[in-house]
Amino acid sequence: MRVTQSKKTRRATGGPARPWDLAPETQPEGPDTNARLVALEGLTTADLRIEWRRLHRATPPSRLSRDLLIRGVAYRIQEQAHGGLSPGTRRMLRSLSEGSERRGRATAVPAIRLKPGTKLVREWHGQVHTVDVLEDGFIYQGERYPSLTRIARRITGTPWSGPLFFGISRRRRAVERVADGAAGE
């Protein structure tokens, strides 16, 4: 019922189903990007699918919600008007997504970066272990290691996550920040 009302409203104004020309490159003046974006809300889902096909040159995913159709079309309109992602950003996104199809889920968030010169200290079975962070690795007891995990394995003799062993994790930092905030009140 709502779709019919929307179509009647557009027809009553005498304007086309889409408020902009389907071939923007044929217009003497560039299309008004903001007007195109605002007009997306007035399009039917079928019209949004047509726009998706025209802009992306591909069929939209079959179960994409109306909201995501609007977002996908709006992104493409803005990309055409202002330019897309830089090659560096595209490379980073591609590297983050590598292998995610095989696992069936998204790749984990990139690891926490430690500043060179940082010292990590961990007590294990009564002995204190210190690791120096370098630009491209770590030093433990005078030996260079490519990862904290190898150091944790050497210390414990079992497979451990290096960041977990040394207490470096986003979750732990978030919990500590909350605790510090509560203590400061």
Protein backbone atom coordinates (compact mmCIF):
# COMPACT_ATOMS: atom_id res chain seq x y z
CA MET A 1 0.00 0.00 0.00
CA ARG A 2 2.81 2.38 0.89
CA VAL A 3 4.61 1.80 -2.43
CA THR A 4 1.44 2.67 -4.35
CA GLN A 5 1.06 5.92 -2.42
CA SER A 6 4.67 6.81 -3.11
CA LYS A 7 4.24 6.22 -6.86
CA LYS A 8 1.02 8.24 -6.93
CA THR A 9 2.73 11.10 -5.13
CA ARG A 10 5.56 11.21 -7.66
CA ARG A 11 3.17 10.98 -10.60
CA ALA A 12 1.01 13.78 -9.15
CA THR A 13 3.99 16.15 -9.24
CA GLY A 14 4.49 15.40 -12.92
CA GLY A 15 8.17 14.55 -12.38
CA PRO A 16 10.01 11.40 -13.40
CA ALA A 17 10.30 8.37 -11.09
CA ARG A 18 13.88 9.45 -10.37
CA PRO A 19 14.47 13.13 -9.71
CA TRP A 20 17.72 13.20 -11.67
CA ASP A 21 18.65 12.25 -15.19
CA LEU A 22 19.74 8.59 -15.44
CA ALA A 23 22.76 9.62 -17.49
CA PRO A 24 24.42 12.38 -15.43
CA GLU A 25 27.28 12.68 -17.91
CA THR A 26 24.79 13.95 -20.53
CA GLN A 27 23.75 16.91 -18.37
CA PRO A 28 25.45 20.19 -19.29
CA GLU A 29 25.98 21.00 -15.57
CA GLY A 30 27.15 18.42 -13.03
CA PRO A 31 24.39 16.79 -10.98
CA ASP A 32 23.78 18.19 -7.51
CA THR A 33 25.12 15.39 -5.32
CA ASN A 34 23.25 16.49 -2.20
CA ALA A 35 19.93 16.64 -4.05
CA ARG A 36 20.55 13.14 -5.43
CA LEU A 37 21.31 11.80 -1.96
CA VAL A 38 18.20 13.39 -0.42
CA ALA A 39 16.06 12.07 -3.28
CA LEU A 40 17.10 8.46 -2.54
CA GLU A 41 14.64 8.35 0.38
CA GLY A 42 11.74 8.90 -2.03
CA LEU A 43 12.66 6.00 -4.31
CA THR A 44 10.96 2.64 -4.12
CA THR A 45 13.02 -0.48 -3.43
CA ALA A 46 12.65 -1.46 -7.10
CA ASP A 47 13.97 1.97 -8.18
CA LEU A 48 16.88 1.62 -5.73
CA ARG A 49 17.76 -1.76 -7.25
CA ILE A 50 17.76 -0.17 -10.71
CA GLU A 51 20.05 2.60 -9.48
CA TRP A 52 22.35 0.03 -7.85
CA ARG A 53 22.64 -1.85 -11.15
CA ARG A 54 23.31 1.37 -13.04
CA LEU A 55 25.91 2.72 -10.62
CA HIS A 56 27.67 -0.50 -9.60
CA ARG A 57 27.21 -2.26 -12.96
CA ALA A 58 26.16 -5.35 -11.00
CA THR A 59 22.99 -6.84 -9.60
CA PRO A 60 22.49 -5.94 -5.93
CA PRO A 61 22.54 -8.81 -3.43
CA SER A 62 19.06 -10.35 -3.33
CA ARG A 63 18.41 -10.00 0.40
CA LEU A 64 19.80 -6.52 0.85
CA SER A 65 17.50 -4.34 2.95
CA ARG A 66 16.15 -1.05 1.67
CA ASP A 67 18.39 0.83 4.11
CA LEU A 68 21.51 -0.92 2.82
CA LEU A 69 20.43 -0.33 -0.78
CA ILE A 70 20.17 3.39 -0.04
CA ARG A 71 23.58 3.37 1.64
CA GLY A 72 25.22 1.48 -1.23
CA VAL A 73 23.75 3.79 -3.88
CA ALA A 74 24.59 6.89 -1.81
CA TYR A 75 28.18 5.75 -1.36
CA ARG A 76 28.59 5.21 -5.09
CA ILE A 77 27.10 8.65 -5.89
CA GLN A 78 29.53 10.28 -3.45
CA GLU A 79 32.41 8.21 -4.78
CA GLN A 80 31.70 9.42 -8.32
CA ALA A 81 31.44 13.03 -7.16
CA HIS A 82 34.42 13.15 -4.79
CA GLY A 83 36.62 10.20 -5.71
CA GLY A 84 37.00 6.75 -4.17
CA LEU A 85 39.36 5.18 -1.70
CA SER A 86 43.08 5.72 -2.12
CA PRO A 87 45.14 2.78 -3.42
CA GLY A 88 46.79 2.45 0.01
CA THR A 89 43.44 2.16 1.76
CA ARG A 90 42.27 -0.40 -0.81
CA ARG A 91 45.43 -2.48 -0.19
CA MET A 92 44.95 -2.32 3.57
CA LEU A 93 41.30 -3.42 3.33
CA ARG A 94 42.23 -6.22 0.93
CA SER A 95 44.95 -7.49 3.29
CA LEU A 96 42.58 -7.36 6.27
CA SER A 97 39.99 -9.41 4.41
CA GLU A 98 42.37 -12.04 3.02
CA GLY A 99 41.27 -15.51 4.03
CA SER A 100 38.00 -14.40 5.62
CA GLU A 101 36.03 -16.39 3.01
CA ARG A 102 37.81 -19.57 4.08
CA ARG A 103 37.01 -19.10 7.74
CA GLY A 104 33.48 -17.90 7.09
CA ARG A 105 33.86 -14.83 9.26
CA ALA A 106 35.61 -11.48 9.27
CA THR A 107 39.31 -11.21 10.02
CA ALA A 108 40.27 -10.09 13.50
CA VAL A 109 41.07 -6.46 14.23
CA PRO A 110 44.72 -5.62 13.56
CA ALA A 111 47.11 -6.24 16.46
CA ILE A 112 47.97 -3.57 18.97
CA ARG A 113 51.10 -1.69 17.97
CA LEU A 114 53.79 -1.34 20.63
CA LYS A 115 56.19 1.59 20.48
CA PRO A 116 59.89 0.74 20.10
CA GLY A 117 61.68 1.13 23.42
CA THR A 118 58.77 -0.26 25.45
CA LYS A 119 59.73 -2.86 28.06
CA LEU A 120 57.33 -5.70 28.78
CA VAL A 121 57.70 -7.42 32.13
CA ARG A 122 56.06 -10.68 33.18
CA GLU A 123 56.60 -12.88 36.21
CA TRP A 124 56.33 -16.60 35.50
CA HIS A 125 56.92 -19.30 38.15
CA GLY A 126 58.78 -16.86 40.41
CA GLN A 127 61.11 -15.57 37.69
CA VAL A 128 60.83 -12.10 36.11
CA HIS A 129 61.05 -11.98 32.32
CA THR A 130 61.75 -8.69 30.49
CA VAL A 131 61.26 -8.10 26.75
CA ASP A 132 62.41 -5.00 24.83
CA VAL A 133 60.22 -3.87 21.93
CA LEU A 134 62.08 -3.01 18.72
CA GLU A 135 60.88 -1.43 15.48
CA ASP A 136 60.73 -4.85 13.79
CA GLY A 137 60.67 -7.42 16.58
CA PHE A 138 61.61 -8.08 20.19
CA ILE A 139 64.70 -8.83 22.28
CA TYR A 140 64.54 -11.36 25.08
CA GLN A 141 67.69 -12.46 26.96
CA GLY A 142 69.91 -11.01 24.24
CA GLU A 143 68.16 -12.88 21.40
CA ARG A 144 66.01 -11.29 18.72
CA TYR A 145 62.49 -12.67 18.13
CA PRO A 146 59.94 -11.79 15.41
CA SER A 147 56.94 -12.21 17.73
CA LEU A 148 55.88 -12.22 21.35
CA THR A 149 54.30 -15.62 20.84
CA ARG A 150 57.70 -17.23 20.24
CA ILE A 151 59.01 -15.64 23.43
CA ALA A 152 55.98 -16.84 25.41
CA ARG A 153 56.51 -20.35 24.04
CA ARG A 154 60.18 -20.26 25.05
CA ILE A 155 59.32 -19.11 28.58
CA THR A 156 56.43 -21.51 29.20
CA GLY A 157 57.39 -24.44 26.99
CA THR A 158 53.81 -24.55 25.68
CA PRO A 159 51.92 -22.74 22.90
CA TRP A 160 50.76 -19.40 24.33
CA SER A 161 49.51 -16.25 22.66
CA GLY A 162 52.33 -13.77 23.22
CA PRO A 163 50.07 -10.73 23.64
CA LEU A 164 47.88 -12.71 26.04
CA PHE A 165 50.89 -13.97 28.02
CA PHE A 166 52.24 -10.42 28.43
CA GLY A 167 48.80 -8.97 29.19
CA ILE A 168 48.46 -6.95 25.99
CA SER A 169 44.91 -7.07 24.71
CA ARG A 170 42.22 -4.59 23.73
CA ARG A 171 39.73 -6.18 26.12
CA ARG A 172 42.04 -5.98 29.11
CA ARG A 173 42.92 -2.34 28.34
CA ALA A 174 39.23 -1.47 28.06
CA VAL A 175 38.52 -3.11 31.43
CA GLU A 176 41.46 -1.27 33.03
CA ARG A 177 40.24 2.08 31.59
CA VAL A 178 36.78 1.49 33.03
CA ALA A 179 38.27 0.54 36.40
CA ASP A 180 40.53 3.63 36.37
CA GLY A 181 37.55 5.83 35.51
CA ALA A 182 35.46 4.36 38.33
CA ALA A 183 38.31 4.78 40.81
CA GLY A 184 38.81 8.41 39.78
CA GLU A 185 35.18 9.34 40.60
